[in-house]
Amino acid sequence: MPTMTQLFSNSRDAQRYRAAFFLSLPALIGLFLFHYWPIADTFRLSFTDYKVFTGEFTFTGLKNYDIALNDPILLLSLKNTALFFLIKVPLQMALGLCLALLIAKPGRDSTLLRTLILFPTVTSMVVASIVWGMMFHSDIGIVNSVLEVFGIPAQGFLRDKNQALPVLASITIWKDVGLSMIFYLAGLLAIPWEYYEAARIDGAGRWGLFRHITLPLLNRTHVFVLVTSTIAAFKIFVPVEVLTGGGPSNATRVIVHYIFHLAFRFNRFSYATALSVILAVLLIAISIFQLRITRDEDDD
């Protein structure tokens, strides 16, 4: 990082630093205005009582955070979000790895298969939620029609409080697994092929190659996919809003959906910003924990 003296001196390197600084200045200003300033303002609002219709701010200290500690719906939404994470992330990572292994197989022309897997990734989540909602409809959905062909009684799916959250997880897995596959595919292609050849000469089979070469050398990819998938799971909102609205019986009331309703349905902006800060701190803590766990495994 150049110092201010280096930046404004007349040397050739300083001219390069100056050019790079001024060329990146618009992006830096945009980053500050649309990313860092809103984050700082959110943190400030969490210590106030903001009146939406009058625009008045009243400093309340830690009152919003004290309310959060005794909010049963917040605890329920965190529990539902954690359950959603436990369903979605492991299945998505495992399926993404399996698809990457399938596509990366030597001698296979996987262009069509790769396109089919990546197609949901570029599909609008709103559109995907509506289509899947029609398919999982408890009365006229095609999924129940298929189940009845095999003699399985019709299921409630999105109307059943025990099935609604797993159904939402399956929809988001379908939507996001292609992205996880791409990350794993990049990791697989970065593994030198000589390692596999040497292991085969030593008599290693397919399982041995996968266990002792592929999995260990994909550790950094595992970490990246785990952290990004965790953040995405805790930010789930669109399928909940489109398909269930948090129901039935608050079974799909997740944290971001709860924050949205507090802010834009009940006009409790200050309390909603406090919950946003809590969620941000929670995600940072989870990400650091995941990174440390995997780093300790690398050191061992």
C-alpha atoms as a PDB file:
ATOM      1  CA  MET A   1       0.000   0.000   0.000  1.00  0.00           C
ATOM      2  CA  PRO A   2       1.668   3.289  -1.080  1.00  0.00           C
ATOM      3  CA  THR A   3       2.052   6.149   1.408  1.00  0.00           C
ATOM      4  CA  MET A   4       0.725   9.638   0.655  1.00  0.00           C
ATOM      5  CA  THR A   5       4.305  10.827   0.027  1.00  0.00           C
ATOM      6  CA  GLN A   6       4.819   8.105  -2.571  1.00  0.00           C
ATOM      7  CA  LEU A   7       1.430   8.811  -4.114  1.00  0.00           C
ATOM      8  CA  PHE A   8       2.116  12.471  -4.817  1.00  0.00           C
ATOM      9  CA  SER A   9       5.853  12.356  -5.608  1.00  0.00           C
ATOM     10  CA  ASN A  10       7.118  12.637  -9.184  1.00  0.00           C
ATOM     11  CA  SER A  11       8.677   9.202  -9.668  1.00  0.00           C
ATOM     12  CA  ARG A  12       7.370   6.793 -12.285  1.00  0.00           C
ATOM     13  CA  ASP A  13       5.995   4.437  -9.622  1.00  0.00           C
ATOM     14  CA  ALA A  14       4.208   7.358  -7.989  1.00  0.00           C
ATOM     15  CA  GLN A  15       2.603   8.254 -11.299  1.00  0.00           C
ATOM     16  CA  ARG A  16       1.318   4.706 -11.583  1.00  0.00           C
ATOM     17  CA  TYR A  17      -0.031   4.825  -8.040  1.00  0.00           C
ATOM     18  CA  ARG A  18      -1.684   8.161  -8.791  1.00  0.00           C
ATOM     19  CA  ALA A  19      -3.289   6.846 -11.979  1.00  0.00           C
ATOM     20  CA  ALA A  20      -4.525   3.705 -10.214  1.00  0.00           C
ATOM     21  CA  PHE A  21      -5.938   5.799  -7.366  1.00  0.00           C
ATOM     22  CA  PHE A  22      -7.882   8.204  -9.585  1.00  0.00           C
ATOM     23  CA  LEU A  23      -9.135   5.429 -11.867  1.00  0.00           C
ATOM     24  CA  SER A  24     -10.459   3.467  -8.885  1.00  0.00           C
ATOM     25  CA  LEU A  25     -11.834   6.564  -7.124  1.00  0.00           C
ATOM     26  CA  PRO A  26     -15.383   6.310  -8.629  1.00  0.00           C
ATOM     27  CA  ALA A  27     -15.627   2.665  -7.546  1.00  0.00           C
ATOM     28  CA  LEU A  28     -14.314   3.543  -4.072  1.00  0.00           C
ATOM     29  CA  ILE A  29     -16.866   6.339  -3.731  1.00  0.00           C
ATOM     30  CA  GLY A  30     -19.670   3.998  -4.830  1.00  0.00           C
ATOM     31  CA  LEU A  31     -18.452   1.332  -2.405  1.00  0.00           C
ATOM     32  CA  PHE A  32     -18.474   3.830   0.441  1.00  0.00           C
ATOM     33  CA  LEU A  33     -21.877   5.342  -0.402  1.00  0.00           C
ATOM     34  CA  PHE A  34     -23.755   2.125  -1.124  1.00  0.00           C
ATOM     35  CA  HIS A  35     -22.002  -0.395   1.157  1.00  0.00           C
ATOM     36  CA  TYR A  36     -20.041   1.014   4.079  1.00  0.00           C
ATOM     37  CA  TRP A  37     -22.179   4.069   4.813  1.00  0.00           C
ATOM     38  CA  PRO A  38     -25.453   2.056   4.983  1.00  0.00           C
ATOM     39  CA  ILE A  39     -23.746  -0.440   7.292  1.00  0.00           C
ATOM     40  CA  ALA A  40     -22.577   2.359   9.596  1.00  0.00           C
ATOM     41  CA  ASP A  41     -25.994   4.038   9.490  1.00  0.00           C
ATOM     42  CA  THR A  42     -27.717   0.751  10.301  1.00  0.00           C
ATOM     43  CA  PHE A  43     -25.490   0.369  13.351  1.00  0.00           C
ATOM     44  CA  ARG A  44     -26.360   3.950  14.416  1.00  0.00           C
ATOM     45  CA  LEU A  45     -30.111   3.428  13.930  1.00  0.00           C
ATOM     46  CA  SER A  46     -30.046   0.339  16.123  1.00  0.00           C
ATOM     47  CA  PHE A  47     -29.433   2.594  19.152  1.00  0.00           C
ATOM     48  CA  THR A  48     -32.380   4.891  18.401  1.00  0.00           C
ATOM     49  CA  ASP A  49     -36.160   4.953  18.205  1.00  0.00           C
ATOM     50  CA  TYR A  50     -36.911   6.115  14.675  1.00  0.00           C
ATOM     51  CA  LYS A  51     -40.384   7.463  13.916  1.00  0.00           C
ATOM     52  CA  VAL A  52     -41.124   6.697  10.283  1.00  0.00           C
ATOM     53  CA  PHE A  53     -43.840   9.278   9.683  1.00  0.00           C
ATOM     54  CA  THR A  54     -42.213  12.187  11.509  1.00  0.00           C
ATOM     55  CA  GLY A  55     -38.556  11.368  10.821  1.00  0.00           C
ATOM     56  CA  GLU A  56     -37.628  11.892  14.488  1.00  0.00           C
ATOM     57  CA  PHE A  57     -34.707  10.070  16.117  1.00  0.00           C
ATOM     58  CA  THR A  58     -34.590   9.395  19.850  1.00  0.00           C
ATOM     59  CA  PHE A  59     -31.488   7.825  21.355  1.00  0.00           C
ATOM     60  CA  THR A  60     -32.488   4.738  23.352  1.00  0.00           C
ATOM     61  CA  GLY A  61     -29.146   3.065  23.998  1.00  0.00           C
ATOM     62  CA  LEU A  62     -29.339  -0.728  24.218  1.00  0.00           C
ATOM     63  CA  LYS A  63     -33.136  -0.856  24.474  1.00  0.00           C
ATOM     64  CA  ASN A  64     -33.616  -2.558  21.096  1.00  0.00           C
ATOM     65  CA  TYR A  65     -31.038  -5.208  21.956  1.00  0.00           C
ATOM     66  CA  ASP A  66     -32.693  -5.755  25.343  1.00  0.00           C
ATOM     67  CA  ILE A  67     -36.028  -6.307  23.564  1.00  0.00           C
ATOM     68  CA  ALA A  68     -34.326  -8.817  21.248  1.00  0.00           C
ATOM     69  CA  LEU A  69     -33.158 -10.906  24.197  1.00  0.00           C
ATOM     70  CA  ASN A  70     -36.774 -11.438  25.246  1.00  0.00           C
ATOM     71  CA  ASP A  71     -38.371 -11.775  21.812  1.00  0.00           C
ATOM     72  CA  PRO A  72     -39.845 -15.292  21.390  1.00  0.00           C
ATOM     73  CA  ILE A  73     -40.461 -14.839  17.658  1.00  0.00           C
ATOM     74  CA  LEU A  74     -36.801 -13.895  17.171  1.00  0.00           C
ATOM     75  CA  LEU A  75     -35.709 -17.091  18.929  1.00  0.00           C
ATOM     76  CA  LEU A  76     -38.153 -19.083  16.798  1.00  0.00           C
ATOM     77  CA  SER A  77     -36.894 -17.460  13.585  1.00  0.00           C
ATOM     78  CA  LEU A  78     -33.280 -18.199  14.531  1.00  0.00           C
ATOM     79  CA  LYS A  79     -34.212 -21.810  15.269  1.00  0.00           C
ATOM     80  CA  ASN A  80     -35.966 -22.142  11.891  1.00  0.00           C
ATOM     81  CA  THR A  81     -33.004 -20.528  10.115  1.00  0.00           C
ATOM     82  CA  ALA A  82     -30.555 -22.896  11.808  1.00  0.00           C
ATOM     83  CA  LEU A  83     -32.720 -25.879  10.851  1.00  0.00           C
ATOM     84  CA  PHE A  84     -32.908 -24.627   7.276  1.00  0.00           C
ATOM     85  CA  PHE A  85     -29.096 -24.335   7.265  1.00  0.00           C
ATOM     86  CA  LEU A  86     -28.667 -27.894   8.586  1.00  0.00           C
ATOM     87  CA  ILE A  87     -30.941 -29.261   5.854  1.00  0.00           C
ATOM     88  CA  LYS A  88     -29.678 -27.198   2.927  1.00  0.00           C
ATOM     89  CA  VAL A  89     -25.929 -26.738   3.253  1.00  0.00           C
ATOM     90  CA  PRO A  90     -24.714 -30.354   3.766  1.00  0.00           C
ATOM     91  CA  LEU A  91     -26.986 -31.681   1.008  1.00  0.00           C
ATOM     92  CA  GLN A  92     -26.027 -28.896  -1.389  1.00  0.00           C
ATOM     93  CA  MET A  93     -22.299 -29.393  -0.788  1.00  0.00           C
ATOM     94  CA  ALA A  94     -22.513 -33.171  -1.209  1.00  0.00           C
ATOM     95  CA  LEU A  95     -24.631 -32.920  -4.357  1.00  0.00           C
ATOM     96  CA  GLY A  96     -22.410 -30.183  -5.805  1.00  0.00           C
ATOM     97  CA  LEU A  97     -19.322 -32.337  -5.270  1.00  0.00           C
ATOM     98  CA  CYS A  98     -20.971 -35.395  -6.845  1.00  0.00           C
ATOM     99  CA  LEU A  99     -22.039 -33.399  -9.901  1.00  0.00           C
ATOM    100  CA  ALA A 100     -18.550 -31.903 -10.240  1.00  0.00           C
ATOM    101  CA  LEU A 101     -16.998 -35.372 -10.111  1.00  0.00           C
ATOM    102  CA  LEU A 102     -19.462 -36.540 -12.761  1.00  0.00           C
ATOM    103  CA  ILE A 103     -18.699 -33.668 -15.108  1.00  0.00           C
ATOM    104  CA  ALA A 104     -14.928 -33.713 -14.537  1.00  0.00           C
ATOM    105  CA  LYS A 105     -14.635 -37.388 -15.548  1.00  0.00           C
ATOM    106  CA  PRO A 106     -12.056 -37.681 -18.370  1.00  0.00           C
ATOM    107  CA  GLY A 107     -13.386 -38.361 -21.845  1.00  0.00           C
ATOM    108  CA  ARG A 108     -16.927 -37.192 -21.044  1.00  0.00           C
ATOM    109  CA  ASP A 109     -18.560 -34.486 -23.161  1.00  0.00           C
ATOM    110  CA  SER A 110     -20.471 -32.727 -20.395  1.00  0.00           C
ATOM    111  CA  THR A 111     -21.541 -29.558 -22.203  1.00  0.00           C
ATOM    112  CA  LEU A 112     -25.253 -30.384 -22.197  1.00  0.00           C
ATOM    113  CA  LEU A 113     -25.200 -31.762 -18.648  1.00  0.00           C
ATOM    114  CA  ARG A 114     -23.334 -28.703 -17.376  1.00  0.00           C
ATOM    115  CA  THR A 115     -25.858 -26.404 -19.072  1.00  0.00           C
ATOM    116  CA  LEU A 116     -28.799 -28.254 -17.513  1.00  0.00           C
ATOM    117  CA  ILE A 117     -27.253 -28.069 -14.046  1.00  0.00           C
ATOM    118  CA  LEU A 118     -26.384 -24.373 -14.339  1.00  0.00           C
ATOM    119  CA  PHE A 119     -29.739 -23.342 -15.822  1.00  0.00           C
ATOM    120  CA  PRO A 120     -31.488 -23.014 -12.409  1.00  0.00           C
ATOM    121  CA  THR A 121     -28.645 -20.794 -11.170  1.00  0.00           C
ATOM    122  CA  VAL A 122     -29.505 -18.051 -13.671  1.00  0.00           C
ATOM    123  CA  THR A 123     -33.258 -18.448 -13.156  1.00  0.00           C
ATOM    124  CA  SER A 124     -35.066 -15.786 -11.134  1.00  0.00           C
ATOM    125  CA  MET A 125     -35.737 -16.985  -7.589  1.00  0.00           C
ATOM    126  CA  VAL A 126     -39.209 -15.436  -7.722  1.00  0.00           C
ATOM    127  CA  VAL A 127     -40.077 -17.329 -10.908  1.00  0.00           C
ATOM    128  CA  ALA A 128     -38.581 -20.564  -9.580  1.00  0.00           C
ATOM    129  CA  SER A 129     -40.531 -20.212  -6.323  1.00  0.00           C
ATOM    130  CA  ILE A 130     -43.831 -19.707  -8.150  1.00  0.00           C
ATOM    131  CA  VAL A 131     -43.265 -22.704 -10.456  1.00  0.00           C
ATOM    132  CA  TRP A 132     -42.168 -25.001  -7.629  1.00  0.00           C
ATOM    133  CA  GLY A 133     -45.045 -23.749  -5.495  1.00  0.00           C
ATOM    134  CA  MET A 134     -47.488 -24.879  -8.178  1.00  0.00           C
ATOM    135  CA  MET A 135     -45.739 -28.253  -8.407  1.00  0.00           C
ATOM    136  CA  PHE A 136     -45.865 -28.735  -4.614  1.00  0.00           C
ATOM    137  CA  HIS A 137     -49.481 -27.581  -4.319  1.00  0.00           C
ATOM    138  CA  SER A 138     -51.236 -29.968  -1.957  1.00  0.00           C
ATOM    139  CA  ASP A 139     -54.393 -30.234  -4.109  1.00  0.00           C
ATOM    140  CA  ILE A 140     -53.432 -29.805  -7.779  1.00  0.00           C
ATOM    141  CA  GLY A 141     -49.637 -30.134  -7.712  1.00  0.00           C
ATOM    142  CA  ILE A 142     -47.868 -32.565 -10.023  1.00  0.00           C
ATOM    143  CA  VAL A 143     -45.725 -33.944  -7.178  1.00  0.00           C
ATOM    144  CA  ASN A 144     -48.770 -35.316  -5.353  1.00  0.00           C
ATOM    145  CA  SER A 145     -50.106 -36.693  -8.647  1.00  0.00           C
ATOM    146  CA  VAL A 146     -46.878 -38.662  -9.111  1.00  0.00           C
ATOM    147  CA  LEU A 147     -46.981 -39.894  -5.514  1.00  0.00           C
ATOM    148  CA  GLU A 148     -50.543 -41.139  -5.942  1.00  0.00           C
ATOM    149  CA  VAL A 149     -49.437 -43.211  -8.954  1.00  0.00           C
ATOM    150  CA  PHE A 150     -47.151 -45.134  -6.573  1.00  0.00           C
ATOM    151  CA  GLY A 151     -49.871 -45.492  -3.957  1.00  0.00           C
ATOM    152  CA  ILE A 152     -48.499 -42.789  -1.633  1.00  0.00           C
ATOM    153  CA  PRO A 153     -51.186 -40.541  -0.127  1.00  0.00           C
ATOM    154  CA  ALA A 154     -51.188 -36.836  -0.973  1.00  0.00           C
ATOM    155  CA  GLN A 155     -48.893 -34.709   1.186  1.00  0.00           C
ATOM    156  CA  GLY A 156     -49.461 -31.253   2.617  1.00  0.00           C
ATOM    157  CA  PHE A 157     -46.007 -29.962   1.608  1.00  0.00           C
ATOM    158  CA  LEU A 158     -46.126 -26.170   1.984  1.00  0.00           C
ATOM    159  CA  ARG A 159     -49.296 -26.379   4.100  1.00  0.00           C
ATOM    160  CA  ASP A 160     -47.747 -28.868   6.523  1.00  0.00           C
ATOM    161  CA  LYS A 161     -45.684 -27.291   9.315  1.00  0.00           C
ATOM    162  CA  ASN A 162     -43.376 -30.324   9.395  1.00  0.00           C
ATOM    163  CA  GLN A 163     -42.781 -30.412   5.626  1.00  0.00           C
ATOM    164  CA  ALA A 164     -42.765 -26.745   4.606  1.00  0.00           C
ATOM    165  CA  LEU A 165     -39.179 -25.959   5.628  1.00  0.00           C
ATOM    166  CA  PRO A 166     -37.631 -29.069   3.976  1.00  0.00           C
ATOM    167  CA  VAL A 167     -39.602 -28.258   0.803  1.00  0.00           C
ATOM    168  CA  LEU A 168     -38.175 -24.721   0.783  1.00  0.00           C
ATOM    169  CA  ALA A 169     -34.699 -26.179   1.330  1.00  0.00           C
ATOM    170  CA  SER A 170     -35.115 -28.532  -1.635  1.00  0.00           C
ATOM    171  CA  ILE A 171     -36.149 -25.618  -3.868  1.00  0.00           C
ATOM    172  CA  THR A 172     -33.106 -23.552  -2.896  1.00  0.00           C
ATOM    173  CA  ILE A 173     -30.805 -26.555  -3.325  1.00  0.00           C
ATOM    174  CA  TRP A 174     -32.129 -26.995  -6.868  1.00  0.00           C
ATOM    175  CA  LYS A 175     -31.476 -23.298  -7.459  1.00  0.00           C
ATOM    176  CA  ASP A 176     -27.978 -23.052  -5.936  1.00  0.00           C
ATOM    177  CA  VAL A 177     -26.354 -26.444  -6.465  1.00  0.00           C
ATOM    178  CA  GLY A 178     -25.012 -25.442  -9.880  1.00  0.00           C
ATOM    179  CA  LEU A 179     -22.919 -22.693  -8.292  1.00  0.00           C
ATOM    180  CA  SER A 180     -21.462 -25.120  -5.754  1.00  0.00           C
ATOM    181  CA  MET A 181     -20.711 -27.521  -8.607  1.00  0.00           C
ATOM    182  CA  ILE A 182     -18.746 -24.819 -10.448  1.00  0.00           C
ATOM    183  CA  PHE A 183     -16.598 -24.126  -7.384  1.00  0.00           C
ATOM    184  CA  TYR A 184     -15.905 -27.827  -6.876  1.00  0.00           C
ATOM    185  CA  LEU A 185     -15.189 -28.282 -10.570  1.00  0.00           C
ATOM    186  CA  ALA A 186     -12.598 -25.506 -10.424  1.00  0.00           C
ATOM    187  CA  GLY A 187     -11.004 -27.206  -7.424  1.00  0.00           C
ATOM    188  CA  LEU A 188     -10.932 -30.582  -9.165  1.00  0.00           C
ATOM    189  CA  LEU A 189      -9.328 -29.177 -12.296  1.00  0.00           C
ATOM    190  CA  ALA A 190      -6.610 -27.565 -10.163  1.00  0.00           C
ATOM    191  CA  ILE A 191      -5.474 -30.940  -8.773  1.00  0.00           C
ATOM    192  CA  PRO A 192      -2.419 -32.162 -10.733  1.00  0.00           C
ATOM    193  CA  TRP A 193      -3.245 -35.353 -12.638  1.00  0.00           C
ATOM    194  CA  GLU A 194       0.189 -36.753 -11.763  1.00  0.00           C
ATOM    195  CA  TYR A 195      -0.991 -37.345  -8.192  1.00  0.00           C
ATOM    196  CA  TYR A 196      -3.655 -39.761  -9.410  1.00  0.00           C
ATOM    197  CA  GLU A 197      -1.222 -41.538 -11.731  1.00  0.00           C
ATOM    198  CA  ALA A 198       1.287 -42.030  -8.920  1.00  0.00           C
ATOM    199  CA  ALA A 199      -1.417 -43.329  -6.591  1.00  0.00           C
ATOM    200  CA  ARG A 200      -2.677 -45.797  -9.219  1.00  0.00           C
ATOM    201  CA  ILE A 201       0.850 -47.125  -9.653  1.00  0.00           C
ATOM    202  CA  ASP A 202       0.940 -47.724  -5.892  1.00  0.00           C
ATOM    203  CA  GLY A 203      -2.278 -49.736  -6.200  1.00  0.00           C
ATOM    204  CA  ALA A 204      -4.876 -47.222  -5.002  1.00  0.00           C
ATOM    205  CA  GLY A 205      -8.467 -47.808  -6.114  1.00  0.00           C
ATOM    206  CA  ARG A 206     -11.218 -45.302  -6.804  1.00  0.00           C
ATOM    207  CA  TRP A 207     -12.178 -44.920  -3.172  1.00  0.00           C
ATOM    208  CA  GLY A 208      -8.542 -44.537  -2.147  1.00  0.00           C
ATOM    209  CA  LEU A 209      -7.983 -41.853  -4.791  1.00  0.00           C
ATOM    210  CA  PHE A 210     -11.057 -39.969  -3.644  1.00  0.00           C
ATOM    211  CA  ARG A 211     -10.317 -40.289   0.067  1.00  0.00           C
ATOM    212  CA  HIS A 212      -6.573 -39.595   0.090  1.00  0.00           C
ATOM    213  CA  ILE A 213      -6.163 -37.202  -2.853  1.00  0.00           C
ATOM    214  CA  THR A 214      -9.405 -35.567  -3.954  1.00  0.00           C
ATOM    215  CA  LEU A 215     -10.947 -34.752  -0.574  1.00  0.00           C
ATOM    216  CA  PRO A 216      -7.785 -33.396   1.121  1.00  0.00           C
ATOM    217  CA  LEU A 217      -6.815 -31.249  -1.877  1.00  0.00           C
ATOM    218  CA  LEU A 218     -10.344 -29.817  -2.057  1.00  0.00           C
ATOM    219  CA  ASN A 219     -10.181 -28.578   1.520  1.00  0.00           C
ATOM    220  CA  ARG A 220      -9.933 -24.899   0.569  1.00  0.00           C
ATOM    221  CA  THR A 221     -12.839 -25.353  -1.819  1.00  0.00           C
ATOM    222  CA  HIS A 222     -14.856 -26.996   0.967  1.00  0.00           C
ATOM    223  CA  VAL A 223     -14.213 -23.966   3.166  1.00  0.00           C
ATOM    224  CA  PHE A 224     -15.231 -21.482   0.484  1.00  0.00           C
ATOM    225  CA  VAL A 225     -18.410 -23.360  -0.431  1.00  0.00           C
ATOM    226  CA  LEU A 226     -19.290 -23.881   3.234  1.00  0.00           C
ATOM    227  CA  VAL A 227     -18.921 -20.203   4.164  1.00  0.00           C
ATOM    228  CA  THR A 228     -20.767 -18.856   1.112  1.00  0.00           C
ATOM    229  CA  SER A 229     -23.540 -21.452   1.424  1.00  0.00           C
ATOM    230  CA  THR A 230     -23.937 -20.673   5.118  1.00  0.00           C
ATOM    231  CA  ILE A 231     -24.331 -16.958   4.441  1.00  0.00           C
ATOM    232  CA  ALA A 232     -26.847 -17.689   1.669  1.00  0.00           C
ATOM    233  CA  ALA A 233     -28.822 -20.043   3.950  1.00  0.00           C
ATOM    234  CA  PHE A 234     -29.083 -17.453   6.719  1.00  0.00           C
ATOM    235  CA  LYS A 235     -30.224 -14.826   4.192  1.00  0.00           C
ATOM    236  CA  ILE A 236     -33.073 -16.932   2.768  1.00  0.00           C
ATOM    237  CA  PHE A 237     -36.065 -14.697   2.064  1.00  0.00           C
ATOM    238  CA  VAL A 238     -37.673 -14.877  -1.409  1.00  0.00           C
ATOM    239  CA  PRO A 239     -39.117 -18.449  -1.299  1.00  0.00           C
ATOM    240  CA  VAL A 240     -40.499 -17.814   2.175  1.00  0.00           C
ATOM    241  CA  GLU A 241     -42.184 -14.565   1.167  1.00  0.00           C
ATOM    242  CA  VAL A 242     -43.557 -15.953  -2.106  1.00  0.00           C
ATOM    243  CA  LEU A 243     -44.691 -19.411  -0.977  1.00  0.00           C
ATOM    244  CA  THR A 244     -45.467 -19.481   2.743  1.00  0.00           C
ATOM    245  CA  GLY A 245     -45.310 -15.960   4.191  1.00  0.00           C
ATOM    246  CA  GLY A 246     -43.662 -17.466   7.258  1.00  0.00           C
ATOM    247  CA  GLY A 247     -46.398 -20.047   7.832  1.00  0.00           C
ATOM    248  CA  PRO A 248     -47.893 -22.416   8.509  1.00  0.00           C
ATOM    249  CA  SER A 249     -47.897 -21.607  12.240  1.00  0.00           C
ATOM    250  CA  ASN A 250     -44.576 -19.716  11.881  1.00  0.00           C
ATOM    251  CA  ALA A 251     -42.872 -22.953  10.786  1.00  0.00           C
ATOM    252  CA  THR A 252     -40.948 -21.099   8.061  1.00  0.00           C
ATOM    253  CA  ARG A 253     -40.500 -17.781   9.855  1.00  0.00           C
ATOM    254  CA  VAL A 254     -36.767 -17.210   9.244  1.00  0.00           C
ATOM    255  CA  ILE A 255     -34.682 -14.320  10.527  1.00  0.00           C
ATOM    256  CA  VAL A 256     -34.467 -12.168   7.369  1.00  0.00           C
ATOM    257  CA  HIS A 257     -38.188 -12.572   6.714  1.00  0.00           C
ATOM    258  CA  TYR A 258     -38.899 -11.507  10.294  1.00  0.00           C
ATOM    259  CA  ILE A 259     -36.637  -8.440   9.941  1.00  0.00           C
ATOM    260  CA  PHE A 260     -38.362  -7.487   6.681  1.00  0.00           C
ATOM    261  CA  HIS A 261     -41.823  -7.659   8.238  1.00  0.00           C
ATOM    262  CA  LEU A 262     -40.731  -5.645  11.286  1.00  0.00           C
ATOM    263  CA  ALA A 263     -39.350  -2.878   9.082  1.00  0.00           C
ATOM    264  CA  PHE A 264     -41.838  -2.666   6.219  1.00  0.00           C
ATOM    265  CA  ARG A 265     -45.052  -4.104   7.658  1.00  0.00           C
ATOM    266  CA  PHE A 266     -44.948  -2.867  11.256  1.00  0.00           C
ATOM    267  CA  ASN A 267     -42.666   0.199  10.716  1.00  0.00           C
ATOM    268  CA  ARG A 268     -40.323  -0.854  13.534  1.00  0.00           C
ATOM    269  CA  PHE A 269     -37.188   0.238  11.689  1.00  0.00           C
ATOM    270  CA  SER A 270     -34.967   0.712  14.728  1.00  0.00           C
ATOM    271  CA  TYR A 271     -35.686  -2.734  16.130  1.00  0.00           C
ATOM    272  CA  ALA A 272     -35.266  -4.261  12.665  1.00  0.00           C
ATOM    273  CA  THR A 273     -31.837  -2.616  12.305  1.00  0.00           C
ATOM    274  CA  ALA A 274     -30.824  -3.998  15.708  1.00  0.00           C
ATOM    275  CA  LEU A 275     -31.749  -7.499  14.551  1.00  0.00           C
ATOM    276  CA  SER A 276     -29.789  -6.885  11.329  1.00  0.00           C
ATOM    277  CA  VAL A 277     -26.705  -6.044  13.395  1.00  0.00           C
ATOM    278  CA  ILE A 278     -27.213  -9.193  15.483  1.00  0.00           C
ATOM    279  CA  LEU A 279     -27.513 -11.272  12.308  1.00  0.00           C
ATOM    280  CA  ALA A 280     -24.357  -9.721  10.837  1.00  0.00           C
ATOM    281  CA  VAL A 281     -22.368 -10.433  14.009  1.00  0.00           C
ATOM    282  CA  LEU A 282     -23.730 -13.977  14.093  1.00  0.00           C
ATOM    283  CA  LEU A 283     -22.703 -14.633  10.474  1.00  0.00           C
ATOM    284  CA  ILE A 284     -19.228 -13.200  11.054  1.00  0.00           C
ATOM    285  CA  ALA A 285     -18.797 -15.401  14.134  1.00  0.00           C
ATOM    286  CA  ILE A 286     -19.976 -18.520  12.267  1.00  0.00           C
ATOM    287  CA  SER A 287     -17.659 -17.785   9.327  1.00  0.00           C
ATOM    288  CA  ILE A 288     -14.652 -17.256  11.603  1.00  0.00           C
ATOM    289  CA  PHE A 289     -15.465 -20.468  13.473  1.00  0.00           C
ATOM    290  CA  GLN A 290     -15.705 -22.441  10.220  1.00  0.00           C
ATOM    291  CA  LEU A 291     -12.432 -20.975   8.957  1.00  0.00           C
ATOM    292  CA  ARG A 292     -10.618 -21.786  12.205  1.00  0.00           C
ATOM    293  CA  ILE A 293     -11.914 -25.353  12.285  1.00  0.00           C
ATOM    294  CA  THR A 294     -10.732 -26.040   8.749  1.00  0.00           C
ATOM    295  CA  ARG A 295      -7.424 -24.256   9.378  1.00  0.00           C
ATOM    296  CA  ASP A 296      -6.775 -26.447  12.416  1.00  0.00           C
ATOM    297  CA  GLU A 297      -7.460 -29.514  10.245  1.00  0.00           C
ATOM    298  CA  ASP A 298      -4.911 -28.237   7.711  1.00  0.00           C
ATOM    299  CA  ASP A 299      -2.306 -27.784  10.445  1.00  0.00           C
ATOM    300  CA  ASP A 300      -2.857 -31.344  11.671  1.00  0.00           C
END
